Structure formats: C-alpha cells, structure tokens
Amino acid sequence: MQLHFSNYSIRTRSGEKEEVWDIIRRRWVTLTPEEWVRQHLLHYFVHDLHFPAGRVAVEKQVVVNGLKKRTDILLFDQEARPLLLVECKSPDVPLTDQTFRQAAIYNLEWKVPFMMISNGHSHYCAAIDHEAQSFTMLEGLPELA
C-alpha cells in the first residue's frame, strides 16, 4: 500500500498473521492498515527528521473519562516533557474534525504543545494553546529537535 512517505525498509513477515517490526518497541506487531501508517511515521521521525528513538513512545496509555486508551505516537522533548501527540488512522479513513477531536481528548491528559493526525496520505498538525483552549493549524511540523 503506497503512502505519502519516503520508501523505507520496513520489515514484515507472514505466518498465522502478517506482522511488522516496530523500530521503537523492538518487537513484531500485527500489521493492520493503521499500523502500516504508524510504522511509516516512526521511520519518518527517526530516519528523515533524526528524532531520537529514545524520546518516542508508542501506544502510551492514557485514561479518558475513566476508560483506558492508548495514544498512537507520543514524542518527548529533551526534558522528557510530551511534545507531539500523533493519532494514526487507516489510509481509507478520511481525516475529519472528529479525528482531530479524538486526538484532542487524549491531549487532555498529555497537554502537548503540538498534535498531528495522519492517514498516510494526508497529515495535519496543530499548535495547541491550552490556556485559550484553542489551536492553530500549521503548514507542516514544528521544529522537533
């Protein structure tokens, strides 16, 4: 499945189920369309942007309205503060206001300054102003170093 990323050497294997090697968790995980997008984003952050893999969390748990949820990708700054929350969707899922709201709900816990949503074809990033409870859509990703 072709996505809007560079061509990475993403390792996959077939068995009872198709799996992909997660470069952050360092283990094989079930390959779903959403996971395919997540793995491309992880490779993009680590290989293209040279973001340190040690400052990337995958499926970090968060409690929302008493329910345990997991964020897709969470990047941390040099002081280990949450920096960018990323919500990944399957390539066939359109990115809507509802998709952005889902990430915003997760952000109630993390209070990151930046949020991103991606389905592998489209990517949107926003700067979050927690005091004003508003956001500003960005043209691209902020400086993440």
C-alpha atoms as a PDB file:
ATOM      1  CA  MET A   1       0.000   0.000   0.000  1.00  0.00           C
ATOM      2  CA  GLN A   2       1.623   3.262  -1.166  1.00  0.00           C
ATOM      3  CA  LEU A   3       1.622   6.123   1.350  1.00  0.00           C
ATOM      4  CA  HIS A   4       2.850   9.701   1.224  1.00  0.00           C
ATOM      5  CA  PHE A   5       6.276   8.940   2.751  1.00  0.00           C
ATOM      6  CA  SER A   6       9.760   8.025   1.594  1.00  0.00           C
ATOM      7  CA  ASN A   7      10.401   4.381   0.777  1.00  0.00           C
ATOM      8  CA  TYR A   8      11.623   2.771   3.984  1.00  0.00           C
ATOM      9  CA  SER A   9      12.944  -0.738   4.520  1.00  0.00           C
ATOM     10  CA  ILE A  10      10.106  -1.765   6.792  1.00  0.00           C
ATOM     11  CA  ARG A  11      10.432  -5.405   7.774  1.00  0.00           C
ATOM     12  CA  THR A  12       7.354  -7.603   7.556  1.00  0.00           C
ATOM     13  CA  ARG A  13       6.772 -11.300   7.942  1.00  0.00           C
ATOM     14  CA  SER A  14       3.930 -13.679   7.272  1.00  0.00           C
ATOM     15  CA  GLY A  15       2.810 -16.551   9.445  1.00  0.00           C
ATOM     16  CA  GLU A  16      -0.506 -17.102  11.148  1.00  0.00           C
ATOM     17  CA  LYS A  17      -0.905 -13.367  10.715  1.00  0.00           C
ATOM     18  CA  GLU A  18       1.067 -10.704   8.916  1.00  0.00           C
ATOM     19  CA  GLU A  19       3.393  -8.748  11.201  1.00  0.00           C
ATOM     20  CA  VAL A  20       5.662  -5.722  11.019  1.00  0.00           C
ATOM     21  CA  TRP A  21       8.827  -4.975  13.012  1.00  0.00           C
ATOM     22  CA  ASP A  22       8.284  -1.976  15.282  1.00  0.00           C
ATOM     23  CA  ILE A  23      11.542   0.002  15.438  1.00  0.00           C
ATOM     24  CA  ILE A  24      10.570   1.679  18.727  1.00  0.00           C
ATOM     25  CA  ARG A  25       9.070  -1.231  20.684  1.00  0.00           C
ATOM     26  CA  ARG A  26      11.637  -3.584  19.082  1.00  0.00           C
ATOM     27  CA  ARG A  27       9.181  -6.391  18.542  1.00  0.00           C
ATOM     28  CA  TRP A  28       6.871  -7.838  15.918  1.00  0.00           C
ATOM     29  CA  VAL A  29       3.324  -6.439  15.954  1.00  0.00           C
ATOM     30  CA  THR A  30       0.232  -7.317  13.946  1.00  0.00           C
ATOM     31  CA  LEU A  31       0.211  -5.490  10.641  1.00  0.00           C
ATOM     32  CA  THR A  32      -3.033  -3.569  10.237  1.00  0.00           C
ATOM     33  CA  PRO A  33      -3.583  -0.628   7.870  1.00  0.00           C
ATOM     34  CA  GLU A  34      -3.317   1.773  10.835  1.00  0.00           C
ATOM     35  CA  GLU A  35      -0.107   0.083  11.998  1.00  0.00           C
ATOM     36  CA  TRP A  36       1.327   0.480   8.479  1.00  0.00           C
ATOM     37  CA  VAL A  37       0.757   4.237   8.768  1.00  0.00           C
ATOM     38  CA  ARG A  38       2.237   4.316  12.292  1.00  0.00           C
ATOM     39  CA  GLN A  39       5.380   2.454  11.197  1.00  0.00           C
ATOM     40  CA  HIS A  40       5.908   4.857   8.298  1.00  0.00           C
ATOM     41  CA  LEU A  41       5.555   7.820  10.668  1.00  0.00           C
ATOM     42  CA  LEU A  42       8.019   6.260  13.118  1.00  0.00           C
ATOM     43  CA  HIS A  43      10.544   5.768  10.320  1.00  0.00           C
ATOM     44  CA  TYR A  44       9.909   9.348   9.155  1.00  0.00           C
ATOM     45  CA  PHE A  45      10.571  10.805  12.623  1.00  0.00           C
ATOM     46  CA  VAL A  46      13.650   8.658  13.305  1.00  0.00           C
ATOM     47  CA  HIS A  47      15.250   8.455   9.851  1.00  0.00           C
ATOM     48  CA  ASP A  48      14.175  11.597   7.993  1.00  0.00           C
ATOM     49  CA  LEU A  49      13.916  14.050  10.911  1.00  0.00           C
ATOM     50  CA  HIS A  50      16.631  12.330  13.005  1.00  0.00           C
ATOM     51  CA  PHE A  51      14.408  12.456  16.089  1.00  0.00           C
ATOM     52  CA  PRO A  52      15.953  10.297  18.850  1.00  0.00           C
ATOM     53  CA  ALA A  53      14.153   6.944  19.086  1.00  0.00           C
ATOM     54  CA  GLY A  54      14.605   7.030  22.867  1.00  0.00           C
ATOM     55  CA  ARG A  55      12.246  10.008  23.024  1.00  0.00           C
ATOM     56  CA  VAL A  56       9.419   8.246  21.159  1.00  0.00           C
ATOM     57  CA  ALA A  57       6.627   6.286  22.849  1.00  0.00           C
ATOM     58  CA  VAL A  58       4.173   4.031  21.037  1.00  0.00           C
ATOM     59  CA  GLU A  59       0.739   3.141  22.418  1.00  0.00           C
ATOM     60  CA  LYS A  60       1.286   5.064  25.647  1.00  0.00           C
ATOM     61  CA  GLN A  61      -1.676   4.512  27.951  1.00  0.00           C
ATOM     62  CA  VAL A  62      -3.952   7.390  28.907  1.00  0.00           C
ATOM     63  CA  VAL A  63      -7.196   7.353  30.912  1.00  0.00           C
ATOM     64  CA  VAL A  64     -10.052   9.267  29.273  1.00  0.00           C
ATOM     65  CA  ASN A  65     -13.353   9.566  31.153  1.00  0.00           C
ATOM     66  CA  GLY A  66     -12.394   6.527  33.228  1.00  0.00           C
ATOM     67  CA  LEU A  67     -11.555   4.427  30.132  1.00  0.00           C
ATOM     68  CA  LYS A  68      -8.059   3.217  29.320  1.00  0.00           C
ATOM     69  CA  LYS A  69      -6.976   4.367  25.859  1.00  0.00           C
ATOM     70  CA  ARG A  70      -3.641   4.385  24.046  1.00  0.00           C
ATOM     71  CA  THR A  71      -2.045   7.181  22.079  1.00  0.00           C
ATOM     72  CA  ASP A  72      -0.548   6.067  18.775  1.00  0.00           C
ATOM     73  CA  ILE A  73       2.715   8.033  18.971  1.00  0.00           C
ATOM     74  CA  LEU A  74       3.991  10.454  21.585  1.00  0.00           C
ATOM     75  CA  LEU A  75       7.238  12.397  21.114  1.00  0.00           C
ATOM     76  CA  PHE A  76       9.038  13.906  24.093  1.00  0.00           C
ATOM     77  CA  ASP A  77      11.344  16.919  24.261  1.00  0.00           C
ATOM     78  CA  GLN A  78      14.875  16.876  25.727  1.00  0.00           C
ATOM     79  CA  GLU A  79      13.476  17.352  29.240  1.00  0.00           C
ATOM     80  CA  ALA A  80      11.141  14.327  28.802  1.00  0.00           C
ATOM     81  CA  ARG A  81       8.041  16.526  28.519  1.00  0.00           C
ATOM     82  CA  PRO A  82       5.373  15.467  25.996  1.00  0.00           C
ATOM     83  CA  LEU A  83       5.929  17.448  22.786  1.00  0.00           C
ATOM     84  CA  LEU A  84       3.856  15.981  19.932  1.00  0.00           C
ATOM     85  CA  LEU A  85       0.896  13.620  20.072  1.00  0.00           C
ATOM     86  CA  VAL A  86       0.182  11.730  16.831  1.00  0.00           C
ATOM     87  CA  GLU A  87      -3.074   9.970  16.008  1.00  0.00           C
ATOM     88  CA  CYS A  88      -2.795   7.486  13.123  1.00  0.00           C
ATOM     89  CA  LYS A  89      -5.693   6.303  11.021  1.00  0.00           C
ATOM     90  CA  SER A  90      -6.015   3.698   8.314  1.00  0.00           C
ATOM     91  CA  PRO A  91      -5.340   5.068   4.802  1.00  0.00           C
ATOM     92  CA  ASP A  92      -9.010   4.593   3.891  1.00  0.00           C
ATOM     93  CA  VAL A  93     -10.234   6.676   6.858  1.00  0.00           C
ATOM     94  CA  PRO A  94     -10.814  10.330   5.965  1.00  0.00           C
ATOM     95  CA  LEU A  95      -9.347  12.855   8.395  1.00  0.00           C
ATOM     96  CA  THR A  96     -12.206  14.883   9.817  1.00  0.00           C
ATOM     97  CA  ASP A  97     -12.937  17.159  12.736  1.00  0.00           C
ATOM     98  CA  GLN A  98     -13.929  14.020  14.655  1.00  0.00           C
ATOM     99  CA  THR A  99     -10.462  12.527  14.090  1.00  0.00           C
ATOM    100  CA  PHE A 100      -8.866  15.695  15.412  1.00  0.00           C
ATOM    101  CA  ARG A 101     -11.247  15.724  18.406  1.00  0.00           C
ATOM    102  CA  GLN A 102     -10.177  12.179  19.296  1.00  0.00           C
ATOM    103  CA  ALA A 103      -6.547  13.304  19.487  1.00  0.00           C
ATOM    104  CA  ALA A 104      -7.619  16.416  21.417  1.00  0.00           C
ATOM    105  CA  ILE A 105      -9.355  14.232  24.026  1.00  0.00           C
ATOM    106  CA  TYR A 106      -6.139  12.252  24.528  1.00  0.00           C
ATOM    107  CA  ASN A 107      -4.345  15.556  24.846  1.00  0.00           C
ATOM    108  CA  LEU A 108      -6.387  16.498  27.922  1.00  0.00           C
ATOM    109  CA  GLU A 109      -4.007  14.188  29.776  1.00  0.00           C
ATOM    110  CA  TRP A 110      -0.736  14.933  27.970  1.00  0.00           C
ATOM    111  CA  LYS A 111      -1.134  18.679  27.325  1.00  0.00           C
ATOM    112  CA  VAL A 112       1.297  18.617  24.410  1.00  0.00           C
ATOM    113  CA  PRO A 113       2.031  21.847  22.543  1.00  0.00           C
ATOM    114  CA  PHE A 114       1.544  20.100  19.162  1.00  0.00           C
ATOM    115  CA  MET A 115      -0.825  17.479  17.778  1.00  0.00           C
ATOM    116  CA  MET A 116      -0.783  15.648  14.466  1.00  0.00           C
ATOM    117  CA  ILE A 117      -3.212  13.354  12.662  1.00  0.00           C
ATOM    118  CA  SER A 118      -2.324  11.227   9.647  1.00  0.00           C
ATOM    119  CA  ASN A 119      -3.838   8.527   7.468  1.00  0.00           C
ATOM    120  CA  GLY A 120      -0.634   8.150   5.467  1.00  0.00           C
ATOM    121  CA  HIS A 121      -1.968  10.238   2.584  1.00  0.00           C
ATOM    122  CA  SER A 122      -2.910  13.421   4.439  1.00  0.00           C
ATOM    123  CA  HIS A 123      -1.211  14.866   7.503  1.00  0.00           C
ATOM    124  CA  TYR A 124      -2.395  17.758   9.660  1.00  0.00           C
ATOM    125  CA  CYS A 125      -0.547  19.372  12.531  1.00  0.00           C
ATOM    126  CA  ALA A 126      -1.754  21.978  15.022  1.00  0.00           C
ATOM    127  CA  ALA A 127      -0.201  24.126  17.726  1.00  0.00           C
ATOM    128  CA  ILE A 128      -2.246  23.899  20.913  1.00  0.00           C
ATOM    129  CA  ASP A 129      -2.887  26.868  23.219  1.00  0.00           C
ATOM    130  CA  HIS A 130      -4.073  25.234  26.441  1.00  0.00           C
ATOM    131  CA  GLU A 131      -4.826  28.486  28.265  1.00  0.00           C
ATOM    132  CA  ALA A 132      -7.069  29.801  25.481  1.00  0.00           C
ATOM    133  CA  GLN A 133      -8.374  26.266  24.784  1.00  0.00           C
ATOM    134  CA  SER A 134      -7.749  26.775  21.082  1.00  0.00           C
ATOM    135  CA  PHE A 135      -5.476  25.557  18.325  1.00  0.00           C
ATOM    136  CA  THR A 136      -3.847  26.894  15.182  1.00  0.00           C
ATOM    137  CA  MET A 137      -3.371  24.676  12.156  1.00  0.00           C
ATOM    138  CA  LEU A 138       0.235  24.638  10.928  1.00  0.00           C
ATOM    139  CA  GLU A 139       1.596  24.346   7.400  1.00  0.00           C
ATOM    140  CA  GLY A 140       3.845  21.474   8.484  1.00  0.00           C
ATOM    141  CA  LEU A 141       5.546  20.039  11.524  1.00  0.00           C
ATOM    142  CA  PRO A 142       7.158  22.388  14.051  1.00  0.00           C
ATOM    143  CA  GLU A 143      10.866  22.160  14.859  1.00  0.00           C
ATOM    144  CA  LEU A 144      11.092  18.968  16.913  1.00  0.00           C
ATOM    145  CA  ALA A 145      14.747  18.980  17.953  1.00  0.00           C
END
